[in-house]
Amino acid sequence: MAHARRSQPRPRAADVAASLATLEGRLGYQLEPALLVRALTHRSYAYEHGGLPTNERLEFLGDSVLGLVVTDTLYRRHPDLAEGQLAKLRAAVVQARALAEVARELDLGAFVRLGRGEEGTGGRDKASILADTLEAVIGAVYLDQGLDAADELVHRLFDPVIERSSNLGAGLDWKTSLQELSAAEGLGVPEYVIGESGPDHEKTFTAAARVGGQTYGTGTGRSKKEAEQQAAETAWRAIRTSLDAAREAEAAEAARAEEAEGAAAPDGENAGDTTAGGTSVA
């Protein structure tokens, strides 16, 4: 027999407003309350509270805004770098681990609306949740305050990360980028299968980059290192493209579901989402 889900206790409106004001002070921007609340709403909380809108669409938007600002910054600061090196620097800046560290500096985890399950398993400090929420907040700032404000916020939060990544210079490589991406997405540790051909004085090496038992990229070179770098780059791009496509599909599906729910709901049904009845922040 199915049992109805029990709702979590709902905080007072004054507590919610105070909590939002604290976060807005750290961000440096006052946002439309319902938009900020949505940016902080993890899908686990939405599920436990009757299917409230989640932050996933804002996360999708914020990811693009963050990528634009970081890419523009790197392009202007490093006129001597080729596309491949710029891509590696950007990957180091926008990886989930770096985003999570920035989110921790804001103590963003204290404001996320989580379901009981995520709350009980340390969700407030999970890198993936922190990174996604930070992107959603950036998306909310962009929607509410415009690109100039979002640009300022990204620079204020990420310029130190950009500086550290830029200082690494040649220390950044595609194998590192692939390893970090695989770790952030829980895909496992990359492995490289090496082959060689030709005489000793003129060998050609081949490498296949495998993640989770699947080959994502291959490369060739005059050395094992060169072949592995090419394979890692191809694999990184393939995985990144696949992840982006999956997230776009999820965002589109969420948008369709939200539009369908809005069309079916009577006027005013969701009006309480910005009051004490639906704005639990912590």
Protein backbone atom coordinates (compact mmCIF):
# COMPACT_ATOMS: atom_id res chain seq x y z
CA MET A 1 0.00 0.00 0.00
CA ALA A 2 1.42 3.38 -0.97
CA HIS A 3 2.04 5.87 1.79
CA ALA A 4 1.77 9.62 1.40
CA ARG A 5 5.02 11.51 1.69
CA ARG A 6 5.33 13.52 4.85
CA SER A 7 6.20 17.17 4.42
CA GLN A 8 9.16 18.65 6.22
CA PRO A 9 8.49 21.42 8.75
CA ARG A 10 8.20 24.76 7.04
CA PRO A 11 10.14 27.72 8.42
CA ARG A 12 8.69 31.08 9.27
CA ALA A 13 8.67 33.72 6.53
CA ALA A 14 10.85 35.98 8.68
CA ASP A 15 13.50 33.26 9.00
CA VAL A 16 13.44 32.66 5.26
CA ALA A 17 13.78 36.37 4.47
CA ALA A 18 16.69 36.73 6.90
CA SER A 19 18.46 33.74 5.39
CA LEU A 20 18.02 35.04 1.85
CA ALA A 21 19.24 38.48 2.91
CA THR A 22 22.39 36.93 4.35
CA LEU A 23 23.17 35.18 1.09
CA GLU A 24 22.34 38.28 -0.95
CA GLY A 25 24.81 40.22 1.17
CA ARG A 26 27.53 37.75 0.25
CA LEU A 27 26.59 37.87 -3.42
CA GLY A 28 26.38 41.65 -3.46
CA TYR A 29 23.00 41.63 -5.21
CA GLN A 30 19.39 41.69 -4.04
CA LEU A 31 17.37 39.30 -6.19
CA GLU A 32 13.68 38.64 -6.72
CA PRO A 33 12.91 36.31 -3.78
CA ALA A 34 11.14 33.57 -5.72
CA LEU A 35 13.99 33.40 -8.24
CA LEU A 36 16.64 33.05 -5.56
CA VAL A 37 14.57 30.43 -3.75
CA ARG A 38 14.31 28.44 -6.95
CA ALA A 39 18.08 28.68 -7.50
CA LEU A 40 18.54 27.05 -4.09
CA THR A 41 15.99 24.26 -4.61
CA HIS A 42 17.56 20.84 -5.19
CA ARG A 43 15.41 18.25 -6.93
CA SER A 44 15.37 16.10 -3.77
CA TYR A 45 13.57 18.89 -1.90
CA ALA A 46 11.19 19.53 -4.79
CA TYR A 47 10.22 15.85 -4.90
CA GLU A 48 9.45 15.74 -1.18
CA HIS A 49 7.33 18.88 -1.42
CA GLY A 50 4.94 17.98 -4.18
CA GLY A 51 7.03 18.70 -7.25
CA LEU A 52 8.10 22.31 -6.73
CA PRO A 53 10.23 23.85 -9.50
CA THR A 54 13.91 22.88 -9.15
CA ASN A 55 17.08 24.82 -9.86
CA GLU A 56 18.07 22.66 -12.85
CA ARG A 57 17.04 25.14 -15.57
CA LEU A 58 18.84 27.95 -13.77
CA GLU A 59 21.86 25.68 -13.42
CA PHE A 60 21.83 25.11 -17.18
CA LEU A 61 21.68 28.87 -17.79
CA GLY A 62 24.33 29.68 -15.20
CA ASP A 63 26.71 27.10 -16.65
CA SER A 64 26.57 28.95 -19.98
CA VAL A 65 27.00 32.38 -18.38
CA LEU A 66 29.98 31.16 -16.35
CA GLY A 67 31.51 29.56 -19.42
CA LEU A 68 31.09 32.75 -21.46
CA VAL A 69 32.71 35.00 -18.86
CA VAL A 70 35.60 32.63 -18.18
CA THR A 71 36.20 32.01 -21.90
CA ASP A 72 36.17 35.74 -22.67
CA THR A 73 38.58 36.42 -19.80
CA LEU A 74 41.03 33.73 -20.85
CA TYR A 75 40.87 34.81 -24.49
CA ARG A 76 41.74 38.40 -23.61
CA ARG A 77 44.38 37.59 -21.00
CA HIS A 78 46.24 35.02 -23.08
CA PRO A 79 46.52 36.25 -26.69
CA ASP A 80 49.49 33.94 -27.19
CA LEU A 81 47.72 30.68 -26.30
CA ALA A 82 46.28 28.31 -28.88
CA GLU A 83 42.69 27.07 -28.71
CA GLY A 84 43.70 23.78 -27.12
CA GLN A 85 45.56 25.43 -24.24
CA LEU A 86 42.72 27.89 -23.67
CA ALA A 87 40.30 24.96 -23.50
CA LYS A 88 42.48 23.27 -20.87
CA LEU A 89 42.63 26.42 -18.77
CA ARG A 90 38.86 26.84 -18.98
CA ALA A 91 38.33 23.20 -18.00
CA ALA A 92 40.45 23.74 -14.90
CA VAL A 93 38.43 26.82 -13.89
CA VAL A 94 34.90 25.47 -14.40
CA GLN A 95 35.39 21.91 -13.18
CA ALA A 96 33.02 20.82 -10.41
CA ARG A 97 35.75 20.69 -7.78
CA ALA A 98 36.73 24.34 -8.39
CA LEU A 99 33.08 25.43 -8.36
CA ALA A 100 32.49 23.57 -5.11
CA GLU A 101 35.41 25.36 -3.45
CA VAL A 102 34.01 28.74 -4.48
CA ALA A 103 30.60 27.68 -3.17
CA ARG A 104 32.15 26.68 0.16
CA GLU A 105 33.72 30.12 0.48
CA LEU A 106 30.19 31.54 0.23
CA ASP A 107 28.92 28.87 2.66
CA LEU A 108 26.36 28.15 -0.03
CA GLY A 109 25.61 24.72 1.37
CA ALA A 110 23.89 26.31 4.36
CA PHE A 111 21.24 27.81 2.08
CA VAL A 112 20.45 24.89 -0.24
CA ARG A 113 16.97 23.36 0.05
CA LEU A 114 17.58 19.62 0.30
CA GLY A 115 15.37 16.59 0.77
CA ARG A 116 15.76 14.44 3.86
CA GLY A 117 17.74 11.78 2.02
CA GLU A 118 20.38 14.19 0.71
CA GLU A 119 20.42 16.00 4.04
CA GLY A 120 21.19 12.76 5.83
CA THR A 121 24.06 11.82 3.52
CA GLY A 122 26.00 15.07 3.75
CA GLY A 123 24.45 16.72 0.72
CA ARG A 124 25.29 20.22 1.93
CA ASP A 125 28.97 19.56 1.29
CA LYS A 126 28.73 17.38 -1.82
CA ALA A 127 30.83 18.88 -4.61
CA SER A 128 28.23 18.11 -7.28
CA ILE A 129 25.37 19.77 -5.36
CA LEU A 130 27.47 22.80 -4.44
CA ALA A 131 28.71 23.24 -8.02
CA ASP A 132 25.23 22.90 -9.50
CA THR A 133 23.73 25.33 -6.97
CA LEU A 134 26.43 27.92 -7.61
CA GLU A 135 25.72 27.74 -11.34
CA ALA A 136 22.00 28.15 -10.61
CA VAL A 137 22.70 31.24 -8.49
CA ILE A 138 24.80 32.72 -11.30
CA GLY A 139 21.89 32.04 -13.65
CA ALA A 140 19.52 33.80 -11.26
CA VAL A 141 21.78 36.85 -11.05
CA TYR A 142 21.92 36.97 -14.84
CA LEU A 143 18.12 36.79 -15.18
CA ASP A 144 17.41 39.33 -12.45
CA GLN A 145 20.29 41.78 -12.83
CA GLY A 146 21.60 41.25 -16.35
CA LEU A 147 24.87 40.16 -17.92
CA ASP A 148 26.96 43.01 -16.48
CA ALA A 149 26.05 41.99 -12.94
CA ALA A 150 26.65 38.31 -13.66
CA ASP A 151 30.00 39.20 -15.25
CA GLU A 152 31.00 41.18 -12.15
CA LEU A 153 29.97 38.35 -9.83
CA VAL A 154 31.85 35.71 -11.82
CA HIS A 155 34.99 37.86 -11.85
CA ARG A 156 34.77 38.52 -8.13
CA LEU A 157 34.32 34.84 -7.31
CA PHE A 158 36.49 33.23 -9.98
CA ASP A 159 39.36 35.59 -10.76
CA PRO A 160 41.52 33.91 -8.09
CA VAL A 161 40.72 30.52 -9.64
CA ILE A 162 41.55 31.84 -13.12
CA GLU A 163 44.83 33.26 -11.82
CA ARG A 164 45.84 29.99 -10.18
CA SER A 165 45.00 28.01 -13.29
CA SER A 166 46.88 30.42 -15.54
CA ASN A 167 49.95 30.22 -13.33
CA LEU A 168 50.06 26.46 -13.83
CA GLY A 169 50.92 27.07 -17.48
CA ALA A 170 52.34 23.92 -19.05
CA GLY A 171 51.43 21.99 -15.91
CA LEU A 172 47.90 21.71 -17.27
CA ASP A 173 47.50 18.90 -19.75
CA TRP A 174 44.70 16.93 -21.32
CA LYS A 175 45.36 13.88 -19.17
CA THR A 176 44.86 16.04 -16.08
CA SER A 177 41.71 17.57 -17.52
CA LEU A 178 40.30 14.15 -18.41
CA GLN A 179 41.09 12.77 -14.97
CA GLU A 180 39.41 15.71 -13.24
CA LEU A 181 36.33 15.53 -15.45
CA SER A 182 36.01 11.78 -14.94
CA ALA A 183 36.36 12.16 -11.17
CA ALA A 184 33.83 15.00 -10.99
CA GLU A 185 31.27 12.96 -12.93
CA GLY A 186 31.97 9.70 -11.08
CA LEU A 187 33.06 7.90 -14.25
CA GLY A 188 36.15 6.22 -12.88
CA VAL A 189 39.89 6.59 -13.46
CA PRO A 190 41.03 6.93 -17.10
CA GLU A 191 43.22 4.16 -18.48
CA TYR A 192 45.46 4.23 -21.55
CA VAL A 193 46.08 1.26 -23.82
CA ILE A 194 49.35 1.78 -25.68
CA GLY A 195 50.45 0.25 -28.98
CA GLU A 196 53.53 0.79 -31.09
CA SER A 197 54.70 0.08 -34.61
CA GLY A 198 57.68 0.73 -36.87
CA PRO A 199 61.43 0.24 -36.45
CA ASP A 200 63.19 1.20 -33.23
CA HIS A 201 64.59 4.42 -34.69
CA GLU A 202 61.21 5.58 -36.02
CA LYS A 203 58.46 4.20 -33.83
CA THR A 204 54.88 5.39 -33.94
CA PHE A 205 52.82 5.07 -30.78
CA THR A 206 49.06 4.79 -30.51
CA ALA A 207 46.97 5.30 -27.39
CA ALA A 208 43.34 4.60 -26.55
CA ALA A 209 41.81 6.48 -23.62
CA ARG A 210 39.32 4.33 -21.74
CA VAL A 211 36.99 5.52 -18.99
CA GLY A 212 34.70 3.11 -17.19
CA GLY A 213 35.66 0.36 -19.61
CA GLN A 214 34.67 2.39 -22.68
CA THR A 215 37.05 3.87 -25.25
CA TYR A 216 36.33 7.57 -25.78
CA GLY A 217 39.37 8.68 -27.76
CA THR A 218 42.50 7.58 -29.59
CA GLY A 219 45.73 9.33 -30.52
CA THR A 220 49.03 8.79 -32.29
CA GLY A 221 52.46 10.31 -31.83
CA ARG A 222 56.21 9.87 -31.87
CA SER A 223 56.15 9.26 -28.14
CA LYS A 224 53.82 7.60 -25.67
CA LYS A 225 53.20 10.97 -24.01
CA GLU A 226 52.16 12.63 -27.26
CA ALA A 227 49.82 9.77 -28.14
CA GLU A 228 48.26 9.78 -24.67
CA GLN A 229 47.73 13.55 -24.78
CA GLN A 230 45.92 13.29 -28.10
CA ALA A 231 43.78 10.43 -26.85
CA ALA A 232 42.97 12.29 -23.63
CA GLU A 233 41.94 15.42 -25.55
CA THR A 234 39.64 13.44 -27.85
CA ALA A 235 38.15 11.60 -24.87
CA TRP A 236 37.66 14.81 -22.87
CA ARG A 237 35.82 16.46 -25.74
CA ALA A 238 33.66 13.38 -26.35
CA ILE A 239 32.66 13.07 -22.69
CA ARG A 240 32.08 16.82 -22.31
CA THR A 241 29.88 16.87 -25.41
CA SER A 242 27.90 13.88 -24.17
CA LEU A 243 27.40 15.41 -20.71
CA ASP A 244 26.33 18.76 -22.16
CA ALA A 245 23.84 17.07 -24.48
CA ALA A 246 22.40 15.05 -21.61
CA ARG A 247 22.00 18.15 -19.45
CA GLU A 248 20.37 20.07 -22.26
CA ALA A 249 17.91 17.20 -22.74
CA GLU A 250 17.17 17.13 -19.00
CA ALA A 251 16.63 20.89 -18.95
CA ALA A 252 14.31 20.69 -21.95
CA GLU A 253 12.33 17.89 -20.34
CA ALA A 254 12.10 19.85 -17.08
CA ALA A 255 10.89 22.89 -19.00
CA ARG A 256 8.20 20.87 -20.77
CA ALA A 257 7.05 19.36 -17.48
CA GLU A 258 6.99 22.77 -15.84
CA GLU A 259 4.99 24.28 -18.69
CA ALA A 260 2.54 21.38 -18.60
CA GLU A 261 2.13 21.73 -14.84
CA GLY A 262 1.62 25.48 -15.17
CA ALA A 263 -1.01 25.01 -17.85
CA ALA A 264 -2.89 22.46 -15.77
CA ALA A 265 -2.71 24.28 -12.42
CA PRO A 266 -5.49 26.72 -11.41
CA ASP A 267 -4.50 30.39 -11.12
CA GLY A 268 -2.79 31.12 -7.83
CA GLU A 269 -2.06 27.49 -6.97
CA ASN A 270 1.68 28.05 -6.71
CA ALA A 271 1.50 31.56 -5.30
CA GLY A 272 2.59 30.36 -1.88
CA ASP A 273 6.03 29.22 -3.03
CA THR A 274 7.59 32.52 -1.99
CA THR A 275 6.02 32.59 1.47
CA ALA A 276 6.61 30.64 4.62
CA GLY A 277 4.67 27.77 3.06
CA GLY A 278 7.29 27.00 0.44
CA THR A 279 10.58 28.78 0.95
CA SER A 280 12.61 26.64 3.29
CA VAL A 281 16.21 27.64 2.58
CA ALA A 282 18.20 25.54 4.95
